[in-house]
All heavy atoms as atom14 arrays in JSON, in Angstrom:
{
  "sequence": "NWGVARVDLKTDARNLRSRAAIEGVAGQFEGVLRSWSRSWAPGEDG",
  "atom14_mask": [
    [1, 1, 1, 1, 1, 1, 1, 1, 0, 0, 0, 0, 0, 0],
    [1, 1, 1, 1, 1, 1, 1, 1, 1, 1, 1, 1, 1, 1],
    [1, 1, 1, 1, 0, 0, 0, 0, 0, 0, 0, 0, 0, 0],
    [1, 1, 1, 1, 1, 1, 1, 0, 0, 0, 0, 0, 0, 0],
    [1, 1, 1, 1, 1, 0, 0, 0, 0, 0, 0, 0, 0, 0],
    [1, 1, 1, 1, 1, 1, 1, 1, 1, 1, 1, 0, 0, 0],
    [1, 1, 1, 1, 1, 1, 1, 0, 0, 0, 0, 0, 0, 0],
    [1, 1, 1, 1, 1, 1, 1, 1, 0, 0, 0, 0, 0, 0],
    [1, 1, 1, 1, 1, 1, 1, 1, 0, 0, 0, 0, 0, 0],
    [1, 1, 1, 1, 1, 1, 1, 1, 1, 0, 0, 0, 0, 0],
    [1, 1, 1, 1, 1, 1, 1, 0, 0, 0, 0, 0, 0, 0],
    [1, 1, 1, 1, 1, 1, 1, 1, 0, 0, 0, 0, 0, 0],
    [1, 1, 1, 1, 1, 0, 0, 0, 0, 0, 0, 0, 0, 0],
    [1, 1, 1, 1, 1, 1, 1, 1, 1, 1, 1, 0, 0, 0],
    [1, 1, 1, 1, 1, 1, 1, 1, 0, 0, 0, 0, 0, 0],
    [1, 1, 1, 1, 1, 1, 1, 1, 0, 0, 0, 0, 0, 0],
    [1, 1, 1, 1, 1, 1, 1, 1, 1, 1, 1, 0, 0, 0],
    [1, 1, 1, 1, 1, 1, 0, 0, 0, 0, 0, 0, 0, 0],
    [1, 1, 1, 1, 1, 1, 1, 1, 1, 1, 1, 0, 0, 0],
    [1, 1, 1, 1, 1, 0, 0, 0, 0, 0, 0, 0, 0, 0],
    [1, 1, 1, 1, 1, 0, 0, 0, 0, 0, 0, 0, 0, 0],
    [1, 1, 1, 1, 1, 1, 1, 1, 0, 0, 0, 0, 0, 0],
    [1, 1, 1, 1, 1, 1, 1, 1, 1, 0, 0, 0, 0, 0],
    [1, 1, 1, 1, 0, 0, 0, 0, 0, 0, 0, 0, 0, 0],
    [1, 1, 1, 1, 1, 1, 1, 0, 0, 0, 0, 0, 0, 0],
    [1, 1, 1, 1, 1, 0, 0, 0, 0, 0, 0, 0, 0, 0],
    [1, 1, 1, 1, 0, 0, 0, 0, 0, 0, 0, 0, 0, 0],
    [1, 1, 1, 1, 1, 1, 1, 1, 1, 0, 0, 0, 0, 0],
    [1, 1, 1, 1, 1, 1, 1, 1, 1, 1, 1, 0, 0, 0],
    [1, 1, 1, 1, 1, 1, 1, 1, 1, 0, 0, 0, 0, 0],
    [1, 1, 1, 1, 0, 0, 0, 0, 0, 0, 0, 0, 0, 0],
    [1, 1, 1, 1, 1, 1, 1, 0, 0, 0, 0, 0, 0, 0],
    [1, 1, 1, 1, 1, 1, 1, 1, 0, 0, 0, 0, 0, 0],
    [1, 1, 1, 1, 1, 1, 1, 1, 1, 1, 1, 0, 0, 0],
    [1, 1, 1, 1, 1, 1, 0, 0, 0, 0, 0, 0, 0, 0],
    [1, 1, 1, 1, 1, 1, 1, 1, 1, 1, 1, 1, 1, 1],
    [1, 1, 1, 1, 1, 1, 0, 0, 0, 0, 0, 0, 0, 0],
    [1, 1, 1, 1, 1, 1, 1, 1, 1, 1, 1, 0, 0, 0],
    [1, 1, 1, 1, 1, 1, 0, 0, 0, 0, 0, 0, 0, 0],
    [1, 1, 1, 1, 1, 1, 1, 1, 1, 1, 1, 1, 1, 1],
    [1, 1, 1, 1, 1, 0, 0, 0, 0, 0, 0, 0, 0, 0],
    [1, 1, 1, 1, 1, 1, 1, 0, 0, 0, 0, 0, 0, 0],
    [1, 1, 1, 1, 0, 0, 0, 0, 0, 0, 0, 0, 0, 0],
    [1, 1, 1, 1, 1, 1, 1, 1, 1, 0, 0, 0, 0, 0],
    [1, 1, 1, 1, 1, 1, 1, 1, 0, 0, 0, 0, 0, 0],
    [1, 1, 1, 1, 0, 0, 0, 0, 0, 0, 0, 0, 0, 0]
  ],
  "atom14_positions": [
    [[92.23, 87.94, 90.41], [91.05, 87.07, 90.22], [89.75, 87.76, 90.74], [88.72, 87.58, 90.1], [91.22, 85.78, 90.99], [92.39, 84.95, 90.39], [92.66, 85.05, 89.21], [93.0, 84.16, 91.24], [0.0, 0.0, 0.0], [0.0, 0.0, 0.0], [0.0, 0.0, 0.0], [0.0, 0.0, 0.0], [0.0, 0.0, 0.0], [0.0, 0.0, 0.0]],
    [[89.85, 88.48, 91.81], [88.63, 89.16, 92.34], [88.46, 90.57, 91.78], [87.41, 91.16, 91.93], [88.68, 89.18, 93.86], [88.45, 87.83, 94.49], [87.96, 86.7, 93.79], [88.65, 87.46, 95.81], [87.81, 85.63, 94.69], [88.28, 86.04, 95.9], [89.17, 88.07, 96.93], [88.37, 85.36, 97.11], [89.22, 87.38, 98.14], [88.84, 86.03, 98.22]],
    [[89.55, 91.15, 91.25], [89.44, 92.51, 90.64], [89.25, 93.62, 91.64], [88.6, 94.66, 91.3], [0.0, 0.0, 0.0], [0.0, 0.0, 0.0], [0.0, 0.0, 0.0], [0.0, 0.0, 0.0], [0.0, 0.0, 0.0], [0.0, 0.0, 0.0], [0.0, 0.0, 0.0], [0.0, 0.0, 0.0], [0.0, 0.0, 0.0], [0.0, 0.0, 0.0]],
    [[89.78, 93.53, 92.84], [89.66, 94.58, 93.81], [90.38, 95.79, 93.43], [91.38, 95.75, 92.68], [90.05, 94.13, 95.22], [89.28, 92.91, 95.65], [91.58, 93.85, 95.28], [0.0, 0.0, 0.0], [0.0, 0.0, 0.0], [0.0, 0.0, 0.0], [0.0, 0.0, 0.0], [0.0, 0.0, 0.0], [0.0, 0.0, 0.0], [0.0, 0.0, 0.0]],
    [[89.95, 96.96, 93.92], [90.65, 98.22, 93.7], [91.71, 98.48, 94.73], [92.65, 99.21, 94.47], [89.63, 99.37, 93.73], [0.0, 0.0, 0.0], [0.0, 0.0, 0.0], [0.0, 0.0, 0.0], [0.0, 0.0, 0.0], [0.0, 0.0, 0.0], [0.0, 0.0, 0.0], [0.0, 0.0, 0.0], [0.0, 0.0, 0.0], [0.0, 0.0, 0.0]],
    [[91.58, 97.86, 95.9], [92.57, 98.07, 96.95], [92.55, 96.86, 97.94], [91.51, 96.18, 98.1], [92.38, 99.35, 97.69], [91.31, 99.38, 98.72], [91.28, 100.79, 99.42], [91.86, 100.79, 100.77], [92.47, 101.8, 101.31], [92.69, 102.91, 100.65], [92.98, 101.75, 102.55], [0.0, 0.0, 0.0], [0.0, 0.0, 0.0], [0.0, 0.0, 0.0]],
    [[93.72, 96.64, 98.54], [93.85, 95.69, 99.66], [94.25, 96.52, 100.9], [95.2, 97.33, 100.78], [94.91, 94.6, 99.39], [95.22, 93.84, 100.63], [94.38, 93.68, 98.28], [0.0, 0.0, 0.0], [0.0, 0.0, 0.0], [0.0, 0.0, 0.0], [0.0, 0.0, 0.0], [0.0, 0.0, 0.0], [0.0, 0.0, 0.0], [0.0, 0.0, 0.0]],
    [[93.6, 96.29, 101.98], [93.88, 96.97, 103.23], [94.72, 96.08, 104.12], [94.59, 94.84, 104.15], [92.59, 97.34, 104.0], [91.61, 98.18, 103.23], [92.08, 98.98, 102.36], [90.45, 98.1, 103.44], [0.0, 0.0, 0.0], [0.0, 0.0, 0.0], [0.0, 0.0, 0.0], [0.0, 0.0, 0.0], [0.0, 0.0, 0.0], [0.0, 0.0, 0.0]],
    [[95.57, 96.7, 104.94], [96.28, 96.06, 106.02], [96.28, 97.01, 107.18], [96.49, 98.19, 107.01], [97.68, 95.69, 105.62], [97.86, 94.85, 104.33], [98.35, 95.72, 103.2], [98.82, 93.67, 104.55], [0.0, 0.0, 0.0], [0.0, 0.0, 0.0], [0.0, 0.0, 0.0], [0.0, 0.0, 0.0], [0.0, 0.0, 0.0], [0.0, 0.0, 0.0]],
    [[96.13, 96.45, 108.39], [96.17, 97.37, 109.57], [96.8, 96.57, 110.75], [96.79, 95.38, 110.81], [94.86, 97.98, 109.91], [93.82, 97.07, 110.42], [92.55, 97.78, 110.89], [91.49, 96.87, 111.48], [90.76, 96.16, 110.41], [0.0, 0.0, 0.0], [0.0, 0.0, 0.0], [0.0, 0.0, 0.0], [0.0, 0.0, 0.0], [0.0, 0.0, 0.0]],
    [[97.37, 97.38, 111.68], [97.97, 96.78, 112.86], [97.96, 97.73, 114.01], [97.74, 98.98, 113.8], [99.45, 96.31, 112.55], [99.95, 95.56, 113.65], [100.34, 97.5, 112.32], [0.0, 0.0, 0.0], [0.0, 0.0, 0.0], [0.0, 0.0, 0.0], [0.0, 0.0, 0.0], [0.0, 0.0, 0.0], [0.0, 0.0, 0.0], [0.0, 0.0, 0.0]],
    [[98.19, 97.31, 115.23], [98.35, 98.14, 116.38], [99.48, 99.17, 116.09], [100.56, 98.78, 115.63], [98.69, 97.36, 117.6], [98.6, 98.05, 118.92], [99.2, 99.15, 119.01], [97.91, 97.59, 119.82], [0.0, 0.0, 0.0], [0.0, 0.0, 0.0], [0.0, 0.0, 0.0], [0.0, 0.0, 0.0], [0.0, 0.0, 0.0], [0.0, 0.0, 0.0]],
    [[99.14, 100.43, 116.31], [100.19, 101.48, 115.88], [101.45, 101.32, 116.71], [102.5, 101.8, 116.24], [99.58, 102.84, 116.17], [0.0, 0.0, 0.0], [0.0, 0.0, 0.0], [0.0, 0.0, 0.0], [0.0, 0.0, 0.0], [0.0, 0.0, 0.0], [0.0, 0.0, 0.0], [0.0, 0.0, 0.0], [0.0, 0.0, 0.0], [0.0, 0.0, 0.0]],
    [[101.37, 100.66, 117.84], [102.66, 100.41, 118.67], [103.44, 99.24, 118.17], [104.58, 99.05, 118.61], [102.21, 100.16, 120.08], [101.5, 101.32, 120.74], [100.82, 100.86, 122.07], [99.78, 99.9, 121.84], [99.1, 99.32, 122.84], [99.32, 99.65, 124.12], [98.17, 98.44, 122.54], [0.0, 0.0, 0.0], [0.0, 0.0, 0.0], [0.0, 0.0, 0.0]],
    [[102.88, 98.43, 117.29], [103.54, 97.18, 116.83], [104.53, 97.45, 115.73], [104.23, 97.31, 114.54], [102.47, 96.19, 116.42], [103.02, 94.81, 116.22], [104.25, 94.61, 116.13], [102.14, 93.81, 116.21], [0.0, 0.0, 0.0], [0.0, 0.0, 0.0], [0.0, 0.0, 0.0], [0.0, 0.0, 0.0], [0.0, 0.0, 0.0], [0.0, 0.0, 0.0]],
    [[105.74, 97.95, 116.12], [106.77, 98.26, 115.13], [107.17, 97.15, 114.25], [107.5, 97.27, 113.06], [107.93, 98.97, 115.84], [107.6, 100.19, 116.62], [108.91, 100.83, 117.21], [106.87, 101.26, 115.83], [0.0, 0.0, 0.0], [0.0, 0.0, 0.0], [0.0, 0.0, 0.0], [0.0, 0.0, 0.0], [0.0, 0.0, 0.0], [0.0, 0.0, 0.0]],
    [[107.23, 95.93, 114.87], [107.62, 94.77, 114.11], [106.6, 94.47, 113.0], [106.97, 94.24, 111.84], [107.69, 93.57, 115.05], [108.11, 92.25, 114.34], [108.0, 91.11, 115.35], [108.37, 89.8, 114.73], [109.49, 89.14, 115.02], [110.32, 89.65, 115.95], [109.8, 88.04, 114.43], [0.0, 0.0, 0.0], [0.0, 0.0, 0.0], [0.0, 0.0, 0.0]],
    [[105.3, 94.55, 113.33], [104.28, 94.28, 112.32], [104.31, 95.39, 111.26], [104.13, 95.1, 110.04], [102.89, 94.21, 112.95], [101.89, 94.05, 112.05], [0.0, 0.0, 0.0], [0.0, 0.0, 0.0], [0.0, 0.0, 0.0], [0.0, 0.0, 0.0], [0.0, 0.0, 0.0], [0.0, 0.0, 0.0], [0.0, 0.0, 0.0], [0.0, 0.0, 0.0]],
    [[104.46, 96.64, 111.71], [104.43, 97.73, 110.74], [105.62, 97.62, 109.76], [105.5, 97.83, 108.57], [104.49, 99.05, 111.48], [103.23, 99.32, 112.27], [103.3, 100.64, 113.02], [103.35, 101.75, 112.08], [103.09, 103.07, 112.49], [102.89, 103.34, 113.74], [103.17, 104.06, 111.62], [0.0, 0.0, 0.0], [0.0, 0.0, 0.0], [0.0, 0.0, 0.0]],
    [[106.74, 97.18, 110.25], [107.93, 97.0, 109.36], [107.66, 95.84, 108.34], [108.04, 95.9, 107.21], [109.2, 96.67, 110.22], [0.0, 0.0, 0.0], [0.0, 0.0, 0.0], [0.0, 0.0, 0.0], [0.0, 0.0, 0.0], [0.0, 0.0, 0.0], [0.0, 0.0, 0.0], [0.0, 0.0, 0.0], [0.0, 0.0, 0.0], [0.0, 0.0, 0.0]],
    [[106.93, 94.8, 108.87], [106.65, 93.64, 107.95], [105.7, 94.11, 106.87], [105.84, 93.7, 105.69], [106.02, 92.55, 108.76], [0.0, 0.0, 0.0], [0.0, 0.0, 0.0], [0.0, 0.0, 0.0], [0.0, 0.0, 0.0], [0.0, 0.0, 0.0], [0.0, 0.0, 0.0], [0.0, 0.0, 0.0], [0.0, 0.0, 0.0], [0.0, 0.0, 0.0]],
    [[104.71, 94.94, 107.24], [103.75, 95.42, 106.21], [104.47, 96.32, 105.21], [104.25, 96.18, 104.02], [102.59, 96.17, 106.92], [101.71, 95.18, 107.73], [101.71, 96.91, 105.9], [100.66, 95.9, 108.58], [0.0, 0.0, 0.0], [0.0, 0.0, 0.0], [0.0, 0.0, 0.0], [0.0, 0.0, 0.0], [0.0, 0.0, 0.0], [0.0, 0.0, 0.0]],
    [[105.28, 97.18, 105.71], [106.02, 98.06, 104.77], [106.96, 97.24, 103.91], [107.21, 97.56, 102.76], [106.8, 99.13, 105.59], [105.89, 100.14, 106.23], [106.52, 100.94, 107.33], [107.76, 100.79, 107.55], [105.79, 101.71, 107.98], [0.0, 0.0, 0.0], [0.0, 0.0, 0.0], [0.0, 0.0, 0.0], [0.0, 0.0, 0.0], [0.0, 0.0, 0.0]],
    [[107.48, 96.1, 104.45], [108.39, 95.26, 103.71], [107.68, 94.55, 102.55], [108.35, 94.1, 101.61], [0.0, 0.0, 0.0], [0.0, 0.0, 0.0], [0.0, 0.0, 0.0], [0.0, 0.0, 0.0], [0.0, 0.0, 0.0], [0.0, 0.0, 0.0], [0.0, 0.0, 0.0], [0.0, 0.0, 0.0], [0.0, 0.0, 0.0], [0.0, 0.0, 0.0]],
    [[106.33, 94.37, 102.61], [105.61, 93.8, 101.55], [104.9, 94.84, 100.72], [103.86, 94.53, 100.06], [104.6, 92.67, 102.06], [105.35, 91.54, 102.68], [103.54, 93.27, 103.01], [0.0, 0.0, 0.0], [0.0, 0.0, 0.0], [0.0, 0.0, 0.0], [0.0, 0.0, 0.0], [0.0, 0.0, 0.0], [0.0, 0.0, 0.0], [0.0, 0.0, 0.0]],
    [[105.39, 96.06, 100.82], [104.94, 97.16, 99.91], [103.67, 97.85, 100.32], [103.05, 98.61, 99.6], [104.84, 96.77, 98.49], [0.0, 0.0, 0.0], [0.0, 0.0, 0.0], [0.0, 0.0, 0.0], [0.0, 0.0, 0.0], [0.0, 0.0, 0.0], [0.0, 0.0, 0.0], [0.0, 0.0, 0.0], [0.0, 0.0, 0.0], [0.0, 0.0, 0.0]],
    [[103.19, 97.66, 101.59], [102.0, 98.36, 102.04], [102.36, 99.86, 102.2], [103.4, 100.2, 102.75], [0.0, 0.0, 0.0], [0.0, 0.0, 0.0], [0.0, 0.0, 0.0], [0.0, 0.0, 0.0], [0.0, 0.0, 0.0], [0.0, 0.0, 0.0], [0.0, 0.0, 0.0], [0.0, 0.0, 0.0], [0.0, 0.0, 0.0], [0.0, 0.0, 0.0]],
    [[101.42, 100.74, 101.69], [101.64, 102.2, 101.77], [100.95, 102.73, 103.0], [99.7, 102.53, 103.18], [101.09, 102.84, 100.53], [101.77, 102.36, 99.22], [103.27, 102.67, 99.21], [103.61, 103.88, 99.31], [104.05, 101.68, 99.01], [0.0, 0.0, 0.0], [0.0, 0.0, 0.0], [0.0, 0.0, 0.0], [0.0, 0.0, 0.0], [0.0, 0.0, 0.0]],
    [[101.67, 103.41, 103.84], [101.14, 103.97, 105.06], [100.17, 105.12, 104.82], [100.5, 106.01, 104.08], [102.28, 104.44, 105.95], [101.86, 105.06, 107.29], [101.09, 104.35, 108.17], [102.2, 106.41, 107.59], [100.7, 104.91, 109.42], [101.8, 106.99, 108.79], [101.05, 106.24, 109.72], [0.0, 0.0, 0.0], [0.0, 0.0, 0.0], [0.0, 0.0, 0.0]],
    [[99.0, 105.04, 105.4], [97.93, 106.05, 105.23], [97.69, 106.95, 106.43], [97.17, 108.05, 106.33], [96.68, 105.42, 104.73], [96.74, 104.73, 103.37], [95.45, 104.29, 102.82], [94.53, 104.05, 103.66], [95.34, 104.12, 101.62], [0.0, 0.0, 0.0], [0.0, 0.0, 0.0], [0.0, 0.0, 0.0], [0.0, 0.0, 0.0], [0.0, 0.0, 0.0]],
    [[98.07, 106.45, 107.59], [97.87, 107.21, 108.83], [97.43, 106.32, 109.99], [97.35, 105.12, 109.86], [0.0, 0.0, 0.0], [0.0, 0.0, 0.0], [0.0, 0.0, 0.0], [0.0, 0.0, 0.0], [0.0, 0.0, 0.0], [0.0, 0.0, 0.0], [0.0, 0.0, 0.0], [0.0, 0.0, 0.0], [0.0, 0.0, 0.0], [0.0, 0.0, 0.0]],
    [[97.19, 106.94, 111.09], [96.82, 106.28, 112.32], [95.4, 106.68, 112.71], [95.14, 107.93, 112.82], [97.81, 106.53, 113.49], [97.3, 105.97, 114.79], [99.16, 105.99, 113.15], [0.0, 0.0, 0.0], [0.0, 0.0, 0.0], [0.0, 0.0, 0.0], [0.0, 0.0, 0.0], [0.0, 0.0, 0.0], [0.0, 0.0, 0.0], [0.0, 0.0, 0.0]],
    [[94.52, 105.73, 112.88], [93.18, 106.02, 113.34], [93.16, 105.76, 114.84], [93.41, 104.63, 115.32], [92.15, 105.12, 112.63], [92.07, 105.31, 111.08], [91.03, 104.35, 110.5], [91.72, 106.81, 110.81], [0.0, 0.0, 0.0], [0.0, 0.0, 0.0], [0.0, 0.0, 0.0], [0.0, 0.0, 0.0], [0.0, 0.0, 0.0], [0.0, 0.0, 0.0]],
    [[92.79, 106.8, 115.63], [92.89, 106.72, 117.04], [91.67, 105.96, 117.68], [90.56, 106.15, 117.21], [93.01, 108.12, 117.63], [94.29, 108.87, 117.21], [94.33, 110.28, 117.76], [93.17, 111.06, 117.24], [92.78, 112.22, 117.75], [93.47, 112.71, 118.78], [91.81, 112.89, 117.24], [0.0, 0.0, 0.0], [0.0, 0.0, 0.0], [0.0, 0.0, 0.0]],
    [[91.98, 105.11, 118.66], [90.96, 104.32, 119.33], [90.03, 103.7, 118.31], [88.78, 103.73, 118.37], [90.12, 105.24, 120.32], [90.92, 105.69, 121.34], [0.0, 0.0, 0.0], [0.0, 0.0, 0.0], [0.0, 0.0, 0.0], [0.0, 0.0, 0.0], [0.0, 0.0, 0.0], [0.0, 0.0, 0.0], [0.0, 0.0, 0.0], [0.0, 0.0, 0.0]],
    [[90.66, 103.01, 117.34], [89.91, 102.52, 116.19], [89.33, 101.16, 116.34], [88.23, 100.87, 115.9], [90.86, 102.49, 114.96], [90.28, 102.01, 113.72], [90.61, 100.79, 113.1], [89.2, 102.57, 112.93], [89.8, 100.6, 111.95], [89.0, 101.69, 111.85], [88.5, 103.72, 113.01], [87.98, 101.91, 110.85], [87.52, 103.97, 112.0], [87.31, 103.11, 110.98]],
    [[90.05, 100.25, 117.03], [89.56, 98.92, 117.1], [90.06, 98.23, 118.4], [90.79, 98.82, 119.13], [90.09, 98.04, 115.87], [91.45, 98.07, 115.8], [0.0, 0.0, 0.0], [0.0, 0.0, 0.0], [0.0, 0.0, 0.0], [0.0, 0.0, 0.0], [0.0, 0.0, 0.0], [0.0, 0.0, 0.0], [0.0, 0.0, 0.0], [0.0, 0.0, 0.0]],
    [[89.6, 97.08, 118.67], [89.84, 96.33, 119.9], [91.36, 96.09, 120.06], [92.07, 95.75, 119.07], [89.11, 95.0, 119.9], [89.53, 94.03, 120.96], [88.84, 92.74, 120.85], [89.22, 91.79, 121.85], [88.75, 90.54, 121.94], [87.83, 90.13, 121.1], [89.2, 89.71, 122.96], [0.0, 0.0, 0.0], [0.0, 0.0, 0.0], [0.0, 0.0, 0.0]],
    [[91.88, 96.34, 121.23], [93.27, 95.98, 121.56], [93.41, 94.49, 121.83], [92.58, 93.89, 122.53], [93.79, 96.72, 122.73], [95.09, 96.32, 123.09], [0.0, 0.0, 0.0], [0.0, 0.0, 0.0], [0.0, 0.0, 0.0], [0.0, 0.0, 0.0], [0.0, 0.0, 0.0], [0.0, 0.0, 0.0], [0.0, 0.0, 0.0], [0.0, 0.0, 0.0]],
    [[94.46, 93.88, 121.22], [94.75, 92.47, 121.48], [95.91, 92.3, 122.37], [96.38, 91.19, 122.63], [94.99, 91.74, 120.12], [93.83, 91.75, 119.23], [93.62, 92.54, 118.11], [92.69, 90.91, 119.26], [92.42, 92.21, 117.56], [91.81, 91.21, 118.24], [92.3, 89.88, 120.21], [90.58, 90.58, 118.02], [91.08, 89.25, 119.96], [90.22, 89.58, 118.9]],
    [[96.43, 93.42, 122.93], [97.62, 93.33, 123.78], [97.24, 92.73, 125.15], [96.17, 93.01, 125.66], [98.17, 94.7, 124.0], [0.0, 0.0, 0.0], [0.0, 0.0, 0.0], [0.0, 0.0, 0.0], [0.0, 0.0, 0.0], [0.0, 0.0, 0.0], [0.0, 0.0, 0.0], [0.0, 0.0, 0.0], [0.0, 0.0, 0.0], [0.0, 0.0, 0.0]],
    [[98.12, 91.9, 125.67], [97.82, 91.29, 126.96], [97.53, 92.31, 128.04], [98.23, 93.37, 128.15], [99.12, 90.5, 127.34], [99.72, 90.21, 126.0], [99.39, 91.39, 125.13], [0.0, 0.0, 0.0], [0.0, 0.0, 0.0], [0.0, 0.0, 0.0], [0.0, 0.0, 0.0], [0.0, 0.0, 0.0], [0.0, 0.0, 0.0], [0.0, 0.0, 0.0]],
    [[96.48, 92.11, 128.83], [96.09, 93.02, 129.88], [95.32, 94.2, 129.42], [94.99, 95.11, 130.28], [0.0, 0.0, 0.0], [0.0, 0.0, 0.0], [0.0, 0.0, 0.0], [0.0, 0.0, 0.0], [0.0, 0.0, 0.0], [0.0, 0.0, 0.0], [0.0, 0.0, 0.0], [0.0, 0.0, 0.0], [0.0, 0.0, 0.0], [0.0, 0.0, 0.0]],
    [[94.95, 94.22, 128.14], [94.13, 95.39, 127.66], [92.75, 94.94, 127.16], [92.17, 95.59, 126.31], [94.95, 96.09, 126.5], [96.2, 96.73, 126.99], [96.88, 97.55, 125.89], [96.37, 97.6, 124.77], [97.95, 98.17, 126.22], [0.0, 0.0, 0.0], [0.0, 0.0, 0.0], [0.0, 0.0, 0.0], [0.0, 0.0, 0.0], [0.0, 0.0, 0.0]],
    [[92.22, 93.93, 127.77], [90.83, 93.5, 127.44], [89.89, 94.65, 127.64], [89.93, 95.35, 128.68], [90.43, 92.32, 128.28], [91.16, 91.02, 127.97], [91.84, 91.03, 126.86], [91.1, 90.05, 128.71], [0.0, 0.0, 0.0], [0.0, 0.0, 0.0], [0.0, 0.0, 0.0], [0.0, 0.0, 0.0], [0.0, 0.0, 0.0], [0.0, 0.0, 0.0]],
    [[89.02, 94.86, 126.68], [88.03, 95.88, 126.78], [88.5, 97.29, 126.41], [87.72, 98.24, 126.42], [0.0, 0.0, 0.0], [0.0, 0.0, 0.0], [0.0, 0.0, 0.0], [0.0, 0.0, 0.0], [0.0, 0.0, 0.0], [0.0, 0.0, 0.0], [0.0, 0.0, 0.0], [0.0, 0.0, 0.0], [0.0, 0.0, 0.0], [0.0, 0.0, 0.0]]
  ]
}
């Protein structure tokens, strides 16, 4: 409907459960961007 060229998905590189779920819905792994975005892990504010 929107005619996009790509859909992005990303997750914490340590989150093996989430990465497996993304790969399970056919997401293609492109790499790891270091210190890329805010951590949502408990105790890692900032």
